[in-house]
Amino acid sequence: MNLIGIEHTFLFRYSEKSKVKCIGITIETRPDYCLKRHLSDMLRYGCTRLEIGVQSVYEDIARDTNRGHTVKAVCENFQLAKDAGFKVVAHMMPDLPNVDFERDIEQFVVSLFGPIIC
């Protein structure tokens, strides 16, 4: 693999000998970019944690904000990422269009304790 003209093996060797150690790399991505082929690439990059942009646990809000994925797909992608060994973080977005305060609170409860975490 060649990253910006530098072989990745050189970068890994350089990192291993560095005085300052990188203990983890986080990549922020969309659920539709958390398929097996994407996860394999991210592992090769040295990624240890994924922040997945869920934004909302409601299908109607995902549709109305043109997220391009379903809540079911998010749950499946979370499981794929966990199975691949990643630490997974959900990026939620309060105050989206047509979502009141009570529904925002409800979605945070669901995201912490509900099936979205898988």
N, C-alpha and C. Protein backbone atom coordinates (compact mmCIF):
# COMPACT_ATOMS: atom_id res chain seq x y z
N MET A 1 0.85 -1.17 0.00
CA MET A 1 0.00 0.00 0.00
C MET A 1 0.90 1.23 0.00
N ASN A 2 0.45 2.24 -0.71
CA ASN A 2 1.23 3.46 -0.84
C ASN A 2 0.37 4.63 -0.34
N LEU A 3 0.81 5.29 0.70
CA LEU A 3 0.07 6.42 1.27
C LEU A 3 0.80 7.71 0.96
N ILE A 4 0.24 8.50 0.07
CA ILE A 4 0.82 9.79 -0.31
C ILE A 4 2.29 9.62 -0.72
N GLY A 5 2.55 8.60 -1.49
CA GLY A 5 3.90 8.39 -2.00
C GLY A 5 4.87 7.73 -1.03
N ILE A 6 4.41 7.33 0.15
CA ILE A 6 5.28 6.69 1.14
C ILE A 6 4.74 5.29 1.41
N GLU A 7 5.59 4.30 1.32
CA GLU A 7 5.17 2.93 1.60
C GLU A 7 4.74 2.79 3.06
N HIS A 8 3.63 2.10 3.27
CA HIS A 8 3.11 1.96 4.64
C HIS A 8 4.06 1.20 5.55
N THR A 9 4.83 0.26 5.02
CA THR A 9 5.78 -0.48 5.87
C THR A 9 6.81 0.47 6.48
N PHE A 10 7.24 1.46 5.69
CA PHE A 10 8.17 2.46 6.21
C PHE A 10 7.51 3.26 7.33
N LEU A 11 6.26 3.64 7.12
CA LEU A 11 5.54 4.42 8.13
C LEU A 11 5.38 3.63 9.43
N PHE A 12 5.06 2.34 9.31
CA PHE A 12 4.91 1.51 10.51
C PHE A 12 6.24 1.37 11.24
N ARG A 13 7.32 1.13 10.52
CA ARG A 13 8.65 1.01 11.15
C ARG A 13 9.03 2.32 11.83
N TYR A 14 8.76 3.44 11.15
CA TYR A 14 9.06 4.75 11.71
C TYR A 14 8.28 4.97 13.01
N SER A 15 7.01 4.61 12.98
CA SER A 15 6.15 4.77 14.15
C SER A 15 6.63 3.91 15.32
N GLU A 16 7.05 2.69 15.03
CA GLU A 16 7.52 1.79 16.09
C GLU A 16 8.76 2.33 16.80
N LYS A 17 9.61 3.07 16.10
CA LYS A 17 10.85 3.59 16.68
C LYS A 17 10.70 5.01 17.23
N SER A 18 9.54 5.60 17.03
CA SER A 18 9.30 6.97 17.46
C SER A 18 9.27 7.08 18.99
N LYS A 19 9.73 8.22 19.51
CA LYS A 19 9.66 8.46 20.96
C LYS A 19 8.22 8.66 21.42
N VAL A 20 7.40 9.25 20.57
CA VAL A 20 5.99 9.46 20.88
C VAL A 20 5.21 8.35 20.20
N LYS A 21 4.47 7.58 20.97
CA LYS A 21 3.76 6.42 20.45
C LYS A 21 2.29 6.74 20.19
N CYS A 22 1.82 6.31 19.06
CA CYS A 22 0.40 6.40 18.73
C CYS A 22 -0.27 5.16 19.31
N ILE A 23 -1.21 5.35 20.21
CA ILE A 23 -1.86 4.20 20.85
C ILE A 23 -3.19 3.85 20.19
N GLY A 24 -3.64 4.65 19.26
CA GLY A 24 -4.88 4.35 18.58
C GLY A 24 -5.20 5.39 17.53
N ILE A 25 -5.94 4.96 16.54
CA ILE A 25 -6.39 5.86 15.48
C ILE A 25 -7.90 5.72 15.38
N THR A 26 -8.59 6.84 15.37
CA THR A 26 -10.04 6.86 15.21
C THR A 26 -10.38 7.40 13.83
N ILE A 27 -11.26 6.71 13.15
CA ILE A 27 -11.77 7.19 11.86
C ILE A 27 -13.26 7.45 12.03
N GLU A 28 -13.70 8.62 11.59
CA GLU A 28 -15.12 8.95 11.60
C GLU A 28 -15.67 8.62 10.23
N THR A 29 -16.78 7.88 10.20
CA THR A 29 -17.32 7.44 8.92
C THR A 29 -18.83 7.35 8.98
N ARG A 30 -19.40 7.08 7.82
CA ARG A 30 -20.85 6.90 7.71
C ARG A 30 -21.16 5.40 7.81
N PRO A 31 -22.38 5.05 8.21
CA PRO A 31 -22.72 3.63 8.28
C PRO A 31 -22.56 2.90 6.94
N ASP A 32 -22.82 3.59 5.84
CA ASP A 32 -22.70 2.92 4.54
C ASP A 32 -21.25 2.77 4.09
N TYR A 33 -20.31 3.27 4.87
CA TYR A 33 -18.88 3.04 4.62
C TYR A 33 -18.28 2.20 5.74
N CYS A 34 -19.09 1.32 6.30
CA CYS A 34 -18.63 0.38 7.33
C CYS A 34 -18.91 -1.05 6.89
N LEU A 35 -18.80 -1.30 5.62
CA LEU A 35 -18.96 -2.66 5.11
C LEU A 35 -17.65 -3.41 5.30
N LYS A 36 -17.67 -4.72 5.11
CA LYS A 36 -16.47 -5.53 5.36
C LYS A 36 -15.25 -5.02 4.61
N ARG A 37 -15.42 -4.63 3.35
CA ARG A 37 -14.26 -4.17 2.58
C ARG A 37 -13.68 -2.87 3.16
N HIS A 38 -14.55 -1.99 3.66
CA HIS A 38 -14.07 -0.76 4.28
C HIS A 38 -13.37 -1.05 5.60
N LEU A 39 -13.95 -1.95 6.38
CA LEU A 39 -13.37 -2.29 7.68
C LEU A 39 -11.99 -2.91 7.52
N SER A 40 -11.82 -3.75 6.51
CA SER A 40 -10.50 -4.35 6.25
C SER A 40 -9.47 -3.27 5.94
N ASP A 41 -9.85 -2.31 5.12
CA ASP A 41 -8.93 -1.21 4.81
C ASP A 41 -8.57 -0.43 6.07
N MET A 42 -9.57 -0.13 6.88
CA MET A 42 -9.32 0.66 8.10
C MET A 42 -8.40 -0.09 9.07
N LEU A 43 -8.56 -1.40 9.15
CA LEU A 43 -7.65 -2.19 9.99
C LEU A 43 -6.22 -2.11 9.46
N ARG A 44 -6.07 -2.16 8.15
CA ARG A 44 -4.73 -2.05 7.56
C ARG A 44 -4.12 -0.68 7.83
N TYR A 45 -4.94 0.35 7.93
CA TYR A 45 -4.43 1.70 8.23
C TYR A 45 -4.00 1.82 9.70
N GLY A 46 -4.36 0.84 10.51
CA GLY A 46 -4.03 0.90 11.93
C GLY A 46 -5.14 1.46 12.80
N CYS A 47 -6.31 1.63 12.22
CA CYS A 47 -7.45 2.17 12.97
C CYS A 47 -7.85 1.21 14.08
N THR A 48 -8.16 1.76 15.25
CA THR A 48 -8.59 0.96 16.39
C THR A 48 -10.00 1.31 16.86
N ARG A 49 -10.50 2.45 16.43
CA ARG A 49 -11.81 2.91 16.88
C ARG A 49 -12.53 3.59 15.73
N LEU A 50 -13.84 3.32 15.62
CA LEU A 50 -14.67 3.97 14.61
C LEU A 50 -15.71 4.84 15.28
N GLU A 51 -15.89 6.03 14.75
CA GLU A 51 -17.00 6.88 15.16
C GLU A 51 -17.95 6.90 13.98
N ILE A 52 -19.11 6.28 14.18
CA ILE A 52 -20.07 6.12 13.09
C ILE A 52 -21.15 7.19 13.22
N GLY A 53 -21.36 7.93 12.15
CA GLY A 53 -22.35 9.01 12.14
C GLY A 53 -23.76 8.49 12.01
N VAL A 54 -24.35 8.15 13.13
CA VAL A 54 -25.72 7.64 13.16
C VAL A 54 -26.69 8.80 12.96
N GLN A 55 -26.48 9.88 13.69
CA GLN A 55 -27.28 11.11 13.69
C GLN A 55 -28.63 10.92 14.36
N SER A 56 -29.40 9.89 13.99
CA SER A 56 -30.72 9.68 14.60
C SER A 56 -31.06 8.20 14.60
N VAL A 57 -31.82 7.76 15.60
CA VAL A 57 -32.26 6.37 15.66
C VAL A 57 -33.66 6.20 15.06
N TYR A 58 -34.18 7.24 14.46
CA TYR A 58 -35.52 7.20 13.89
C TYR A 58 -35.45 7.11 12.37
N GLU A 59 -36.17 6.13 11.81
CA GLU A 59 -36.18 5.95 10.35
C GLU A 59 -36.70 7.19 9.63
N ASP A 60 -37.76 7.82 10.16
CA ASP A 60 -38.32 8.98 9.48
C ASP A 60 -37.33 10.14 9.43
N ILE A 61 -36.55 10.32 10.49
CA ILE A 61 -35.58 11.41 10.51
C ILE A 61 -34.41 11.09 9.58
N ALA A 62 -33.95 9.84 9.59
CA ALA A 62 -32.88 9.44 8.67
C ALA A 62 -33.32 9.68 7.22
N ARG A 63 -34.56 9.36 6.93
CA ARG A 63 -35.09 9.57 5.57
C ARG A 63 -35.21 11.06 5.26
N ASP A 64 -35.79 11.83 6.19
CA ASP A 64 -36.03 13.26 5.95
C ASP A 64 -34.74 14.07 5.85
N THR A 65 -33.66 13.59 6.47
CA THR A 65 -32.38 14.30 6.40
C THR A 65 -31.44 13.69 5.36
N ASN A 66 -32.00 12.81 4.53
CA ASN A 66 -31.25 12.19 3.42
C ASN A 66 -29.96 11.52 3.88
N ARG A 67 -30.03 10.74 4.94
CA ARG A 67 -28.84 10.06 5.46
C ARG A 67 -28.32 8.99 4.50
N GLY A 68 -29.20 8.39 3.72
CA GLY A 68 -28.74 7.39 2.75
C GLY A 68 -28.59 6.00 3.34
N HIS A 69 -29.11 5.77 4.54
CA HIS A 69 -29.06 4.45 5.15
C HIS A 69 -30.24 4.32 6.11
N THR A 70 -30.53 3.08 6.49
CA THR A 70 -31.61 2.82 7.44
C THR A 70 -31.02 2.60 8.83
N VAL A 71 -31.89 2.67 9.83
CA VAL A 71 -31.46 2.40 11.20
C VAL A 71 -31.04 0.94 11.32
N LYS A 72 -31.73 0.04 10.61
CA LYS A 72 -31.36 -1.38 10.61
C LYS A 72 -29.94 -1.56 10.08
N ALA A 73 -29.60 -0.84 9.02
CA ALA A 73 -28.24 -0.92 8.45
C ALA A 73 -27.21 -0.44 9.46
N VAL A 74 -27.55 0.59 10.23
CA VAL A 74 -26.64 1.10 11.26
C VAL A 74 -26.34 -0.01 12.27
N CYS A 75 -27.38 -0.69 12.73
CA CYS A 75 -27.22 -1.77 13.70
C CYS A 75 -26.34 -2.87 13.13
N GLU A 76 -26.57 -3.24 11.88
CA GLU A 76 -25.76 -4.28 11.24
C GLU A 76 -24.30 -3.84 11.11
N ASN A 77 -24.08 -2.57 10.76
CA ASN A 77 -22.72 -2.06 10.61
C ASN A 77 -21.99 -1.98 11.95
N PHE A 78 -22.73 -1.64 13.00
CA PHE A 78 -22.13 -1.64 14.34
C PHE A 78 -21.62 -3.03 14.67
N GLN A 79 -22.45 -4.04 14.39
CA GLN A 79 -22.06 -5.42 14.71
C GLN A 79 -20.86 -5.85 13.87
N LEU A 80 -20.84 -5.51 12.59
CA LEU A 80 -19.68 -5.83 11.74
C LEU A 80 -18.41 -5.21 12.29
N ALA A 81 -18.50 -3.96 12.69
CA ALA A 81 -17.32 -3.26 13.22
C ALA A 81 -16.85 -3.89 14.53
N LYS A 82 -17.79 -4.22 15.40
CA LYS A 82 -17.42 -4.87 16.67
C LYS A 82 -16.78 -6.23 16.41
N ASP A 83 -17.37 -6.99 15.49
CA ASP A 83 -16.84 -8.31 15.16
C ASP A 83 -15.44 -8.22 14.58
N ALA A 84 -15.13 -7.12 13.90
CA ALA A 84 -13.80 -6.92 13.32
C ALA A 84 -12.79 -6.46 14.37
N GLY A 85 -13.27 -6.15 15.58
CA GLY A 85 -12.37 -5.78 16.67
C GLY A 85 -12.26 -4.30 16.96
N PHE A 86 -13.11 -3.49 16.33
CA PHE A 86 -13.06 -2.05 16.56
C PHE A 86 -13.80 -1.68 17.84
N LYS A 87 -13.34 -0.62 18.48
CA LYS A 87 -14.15 0.07 19.48
C LYS A 87 -15.08 0.95 18.65
N VAL A 88 -16.34 1.03 19.03
CA VAL A 88 -17.31 1.74 18.20
C VAL A 88 -17.98 2.84 19.01
N VAL A 89 -18.05 4.02 18.41
CA VAL A 89 -18.70 5.18 19.01
C VAL A 89 -19.79 5.66 18.05
N ALA A 90 -20.95 6.00 18.59
CA ALA A 90 -22.04 6.54 17.77
C ALA A 90 -22.01 8.06 17.84
N HIS A 91 -22.09 8.68 16.69
CA HIS A 91 -22.18 10.14 16.63
C HIS A 91 -23.64 10.49 16.45
N MET A 92 -24.24 11.10 17.47
CA MET A 92 -25.65 11.47 17.43
C MET A 92 -25.75 12.98 17.22
N MET A 93 -26.87 13.40 16.65
CA MET A 93 -27.04 14.82 16.36
C MET A 93 -28.40 15.31 16.88
N PRO A 94 -28.41 16.05 17.98
CA PRO A 94 -29.67 16.59 18.48
C PRO A 94 -30.15 17.77 17.63
N ASP A 95 -31.41 18.12 17.83
CA ASP A 95 -32.01 19.30 17.21
C ASP A 95 -32.07 19.22 15.68
N LEU A 96 -32.30 18.01 15.17
CA LEU A 96 -32.51 17.87 13.73
C LEU A 96 -33.90 18.38 13.37
N PRO A 97 -34.15 18.66 12.10
CA PRO A 97 -35.47 19.15 11.69
C PRO A 97 -36.59 18.20 12.13
N ASN A 98 -37.66 18.77 12.61
CA ASN A 98 -38.87 18.04 13.03
C ASN A 98 -38.65 17.13 14.24
N VAL A 99 -37.63 17.40 15.04
CA VAL A 99 -37.40 16.62 16.26
C VAL A 99 -37.42 17.59 17.44
N ASP A 100 -38.38 17.36 18.35
CA ASP A 100 -38.46 18.23 19.52
C ASP A 100 -37.54 17.71 20.64
N PHE A 101 -37.46 18.46 21.71
CA PHE A 101 -36.57 18.14 22.82
C PHE A 101 -36.86 16.75 23.40
N GLU A 102 -38.15 16.44 23.59
CA GLU A 102 -38.53 15.15 24.18
C GLU A 102 -38.09 13.99 23.30
N ARG A 103 -38.26 14.14 22.00
CA ARG A 103 -37.85 13.07 21.08
C ARG A 103 -36.33 12.93 21.04
N ASP A 104 -35.61 14.05 21.16
CA ASP A 104 -34.15 13.99 21.26
C ASP A 104 -33.73 13.19 22.49
N ILE A 105 -34.34 13.48 23.63
CA ILE A 105 -34.01 12.75 24.86
C ILE A 105 -34.31 11.27 24.68
N GLU A 106 -35.46 10.97 24.10
CA GLU A 106 -35.84 9.58 23.86
C GLU A 106 -34.81 8.87 22.97
N GLN A 107 -34.33 9.56 21.93
CA GLN A 107 -33.37 8.91 21.05
C GLN A 107 -32.03 8.66 21.74
N PHE A 108 -31.64 9.54 22.67
CA PHE A 108 -30.40 9.30 23.42
C PHE A 108 -30.56 8.10 24.35
N VAL A 109 -31.74 7.94 24.95
CA VAL A 109 -31.99 6.76 25.78
C VAL A 109 -31.93 5.51 24.92
N VAL A 110 -32.56 5.54 23.76
CA VAL A 110 -32.53 4.38 22.84
C VAL A 110 -31.11 4.09 22.40
N SER A 111 -30.34 5.12 22.09
CA SER A 111 -28.97 4.89 21.61
C SER A 111 -28.08 4.32 22.70
N LEU A 112 -28.36 4.63 23.96
CA LEU A 112 -27.56 4.09 25.06
C LEU A 112 -27.99 2.69 25.49
N PHE A 113 -29.31 2.44 25.47
CA PHE A 113 -29.81 1.19 26.05
C PHE A 113 -30.62 0.34 25.08
N GLY A 114 -30.85 0.84 23.88
CA GLY A 114 -31.72 0.13 22.96
C GLY A 114 -31.00 -0.74 21.96
N PRO A 115 -31.73 -1.25 20.99
CA PRO A 115 -31.17 -2.19 20.02
C PRO A 115 -30.15 -1.57 19.06
N ILE A 116 -30.08 -0.25 18.97
CA ILE A 116 -29.12 0.38 18.05
C ILE A 116 -27.69 0.01 18.42
N ILE A 117 -27.45 -0.28 19.70
CA ILE A 117 -26.11 -0.64 20.16
C ILE A 117 -25.80 -2.08 19.77
N CYS A 118 -26.80 -2.87 19.52
CA CYS A 118 -26.63 -4.28 19.11
C CYS A 118 -25.95 -5.06 20.20
